[in-house]
Amino acid sequence: MLADPLFLIVAASLLVVLVILAIGVGNFGRGGEAAAKNSNKYMRWRIYAQAVAIVVILAFVFFRQ
């Protein structure tokens, strides 16, 4: 399974979502108005990254049936 390129793309997309989430939560923990604004931006990016990850996961499931 680790040799499957589509699986590696799925894993990479999930890792990107995790990193964006960690950055957003960490930024939110600092407090202040600027941090809140940036955290909101990071959380928007997370939603987009999650949408891409879901599409990639569905493609993985579809092609591996």
N, C-alpha and C. Protein backbone atom coordinates (compact mmCIF):
# COMPACT_ATOMS: atom_id res chain seq x y z
N MET A 1 0.83 -1.19 0.00
CA MET A 1 0.00 0.00 0.00
C MET A 1 0.87 1.26 0.00
N LEU A 2 2.02 1.21 0.65
CA LEU A 2 2.90 2.37 0.67
C LEU A 2 3.53 2.64 -0.69
N ALA A 3 3.53 1.66 -1.56
CA ALA A 3 4.08 1.85 -2.90
C ALA A 3 3.04 2.44 -3.85
N ASP A 4 1.79 2.51 -3.41
CA ASP A 4 0.72 3.04 -4.25
C ASP A 4 0.79 4.57 -4.28
N PRO A 5 0.99 5.18 -5.45
CA PRO A 5 1.12 6.64 -5.51
C PRO A 5 -0.15 7.37 -5.08
N LEU A 6 -1.31 6.80 -5.36
CA LEU A 6 -2.55 7.46 -4.95
C LEU A 6 -2.69 7.46 -3.43
N PHE A 7 -2.25 6.40 -2.78
CA PHE A 7 -2.26 6.36 -1.32
C PHE A 7 -1.33 7.42 -0.74
N LEU A 8 -0.19 7.60 -1.36
CA LEU A 8 0.75 8.62 -0.89
C LEU A 8 0.17 10.02 -1.06
N ILE A 9 -0.59 10.23 -2.12
CA ILE A 9 -1.25 11.53 -2.31
C ILE A 9 -2.31 11.75 -1.24
N VAL A 10 -3.04 10.68 -0.90
CA VAL A 10 -4.04 10.78 0.18
C VAL A 10 -3.35 11.13 1.49
N ALA A 11 -2.27 10.43 1.80
CA ALA A 11 -1.55 10.70 3.04
C ALA A 11 -1.00 12.11 3.08
N ALA A 12 -0.47 12.59 1.95
CA ALA A 12 0.06 13.95 1.89
C ALA A 12 -1.04 14.98 2.07
N SER A 13 -2.20 14.75 1.47
CA SER A 13 -3.29 15.71 1.62
C SER A 13 -3.78 15.76 3.06
N LEU A 14 -3.82 14.61 3.73
CA LEU A 14 -4.22 14.60 5.14
C LEU A 14 -3.18 15.30 6.01
N LEU A 15 -1.93 15.13 5.67
CA LEU A 15 -0.86 15.80 6.42
C LEU A 15 -0.95 17.31 6.24
N VAL A 16 -1.27 17.77 5.04
CA VAL A 16 -1.42 19.20 4.80
C VAL A 16 -2.56 19.77 5.65
N VAL A 17 -3.67 19.05 5.71
CA VAL A 17 -4.80 19.49 6.54
C VAL A 17 -4.38 19.57 8.01
N LEU A 18 -3.65 18.58 8.48
CA LEU A 18 -3.20 18.56 9.88
C LEU A 18 -2.26 19.74 10.17
N VAL A 19 -1.35 20.03 9.26
CA VAL A 19 -0.41 21.14 9.47
C VAL A 19 -1.15 22.47 9.50
N ILE A 20 -2.08 22.66 8.56
CA ILE A 20 -2.84 23.92 8.54
C ILE A 20 -3.66 24.06 9.81
N LEU A 21 -4.26 22.97 10.27
CA LEU A 21 -5.03 23.01 11.52
C LEU A 21 -4.14 23.38 12.69
N ALA A 22 -2.97 22.79 12.78
CA ALA A 22 -2.05 23.08 13.89
C ALA A 22 -1.60 24.54 13.86
N ILE A 23 -1.31 25.05 12.69
CA ILE A 23 -0.90 26.46 12.58
C ILE A 23 -2.05 27.38 13.00
N GLY A 24 -3.26 27.08 12.54
CA GLY A 24 -4.42 27.91 12.89
C GLY A 24 -4.73 27.90 14.37
N VAL A 25 -4.70 26.73 14.97
CA VAL A 25 -4.99 26.63 16.41
C VAL A 25 -3.87 27.29 17.21
N GLY A 26 -2.63 27.07 16.81
CA GLY A 26 -1.51 27.71 17.50
C GLY A 26 -1.57 29.22 17.42
N ASN A 27 -1.94 29.73 16.27
CA ASN A 27 -2.06 31.16 16.08
C ASN A 27 -3.22 31.72 16.91
N PHE A 28 -4.32 30.96 16.98
CA PHE A 28 -5.48 31.39 17.77
C PHE A 28 -5.14 31.44 19.25
N GLY A 29 -4.27 30.56 19.70
CA GLY A 29 -3.89 30.51 21.11
C GLY A 29 -3.08 31.72 21.56
N ARG A 30 -2.47 32.42 20.61
CA ARG A 30 -1.69 33.61 20.98
C ARG A 30 -2.57 34.76 21.42
N GLY A 31 -3.77 34.83 20.90
CA GLY A 31 -4.69 35.90 21.27
C GLY A 31 -4.44 37.17 20.51
N GLY A 32 -5.32 38.13 20.69
CA GLY A 32 -5.22 39.40 20.00
C GLY A 32 -6.04 39.41 18.73
N GLU A 33 -6.32 40.61 18.25
CA GLU A 33 -7.17 40.74 17.07
C GLU A 33 -6.47 40.27 15.80
N ALA A 34 -5.20 40.58 15.66
CA ALA A 34 -4.46 40.16 14.46
C ALA A 34 -4.35 38.63 14.42
N ALA A 35 -4.13 38.02 15.56
CA ALA A 35 -4.03 36.55 15.60
C ALA A 35 -5.37 35.91 15.25
N ALA A 36 -6.45 36.51 15.72
CA ALA A 36 -7.78 35.98 15.41
C ALA A 36 -8.06 36.09 13.91
N LYS A 37 -7.66 37.21 13.32
CA LYS A 37 -7.87 37.40 11.88
C LYS A 37 -7.07 36.37 11.09
N ASN A 38 -5.81 36.15 11.48
CA ASN A 38 -4.99 35.17 10.79
C ASN A 38 -5.49 33.75 11.02
N SER A 39 -5.97 33.47 12.21
CA SER A 39 -6.51 32.14 12.50
C SER A 39 -7.73 31.87 11.63
N ASN A 40 -8.55 32.88 11.45
CA ASN A 40 -9.72 32.73 10.59
C ASN A 40 -9.29 32.42 9.16
N LYS A 41 -8.23 33.08 8.70
CA LYS A 41 -7.71 32.81 7.36
C LYS A 41 -7.18 31.39 7.26
N TYR A 42 -6.45 30.92 8.28
CA TYR A 42 -5.92 29.57 8.27
C TYR A 42 -7.05 28.53 8.30
N MET A 43 -8.09 28.81 9.04
CA MET A 43 -9.20 27.87 9.11
C MET A 43 -9.94 27.81 7.78
N ARG A 44 -10.02 28.93 7.06
CA ARG A 44 -10.59 28.90 5.71
C ARG A 44 -9.73 28.04 4.80
N TRP A 45 -8.42 28.18 4.88
CA TRP A 45 -7.51 27.35 4.10
C TRP A 45 -7.69 25.88 4.45
N ARG A 46 -7.93 25.61 5.73
CA ARG A 46 -8.14 24.23 6.18
C ARG A 46 -9.38 23.63 5.53
N ILE A 47 -10.44 24.42 5.44
CA ILE A 47 -11.67 23.93 4.81
C ILE A 47 -11.41 23.59 3.35
N TYR A 48 -10.67 24.44 2.64
CA TYR A 48 -10.34 24.15 1.24
C TYR A 48 -9.47 22.90 1.14
N ALA A 49 -8.49 22.78 2.02
CA ALA A 49 -7.62 21.61 2.00
C ALA A 49 -8.40 20.34 2.33
N GLN A 50 -9.36 20.45 3.25
CA GLN A 50 -10.18 19.29 3.57
C GLN A 50 -11.04 18.88 2.39
N ALA A 51 -11.57 19.85 1.66
CA ALA A 51 -12.37 19.54 0.48
C ALA A 51 -11.53 18.79 -0.55
N VAL A 52 -10.31 19.25 -0.76
CA VAL A 52 -9.41 18.57 -1.69
C VAL A 52 -9.09 17.17 -1.18
N ALA A 53 -8.84 17.05 0.11
CA ALA A 53 -8.52 15.74 0.69
C ALA A 53 -9.69 14.77 0.53
N ILE A 54 -10.90 15.24 0.70
CA ILE A 54 -12.07 14.38 0.54
C ILE A 54 -12.19 13.90 -0.90
N VAL A 55 -11.96 14.80 -1.85
CA VAL A 55 -12.01 14.42 -3.26
C VAL A 55 -10.94 13.37 -3.56
N VAL A 56 -9.75 13.57 -3.02
CA VAL A 56 -8.66 12.62 -3.26
C VAL A 56 -8.99 11.27 -2.62
N ILE A 57 -9.55 11.27 -1.43
CA ILE A 57 -9.93 10.02 -0.76
C ILE A 57 -11.01 9.30 -1.57
N LEU A 58 -11.99 10.05 -2.04
CA LEU A 58 -13.04 9.43 -2.85
C LEU A 58 -12.48 8.86 -4.15
N ALA A 59 -11.53 9.55 -4.75
CA ALA A 59 -10.87 9.03 -5.96
C ALA A 59 -10.11 7.76 -5.63
N PHE A 60 -9.44 7.74 -4.49
CA PHE A 60 -8.70 6.54 -4.07
C PHE A 60 -9.65 5.36 -3.92
N VAL A 61 -10.77 5.57 -3.25
CA VAL A 61 -11.74 4.50 -3.04
C VAL A 61 -12.32 4.05 -4.38
N PHE A 62 -12.65 5.00 -5.24
CA PHE A 62 -13.24 4.67 -6.53
C PHE A 62 -12.29 3.83 -7.39
N PHE A 63 -11.03 4.24 -7.47
CA PHE A 63 -10.09 3.55 -8.33
C PHE A 63 -9.56 2.25 -7.73
N ARG A 64 -9.70 2.04 -6.44
CA ARG A 64 -9.19 0.83 -5.82
C ARG A 64 -10.26 -0.22 -5.57
N GLN A 65 -11.45 -0.02 -6.07
CA GLN A 65 -12.52 -1.02 -5.88
C GLN A 65 -12.31 -2.18 -6.81
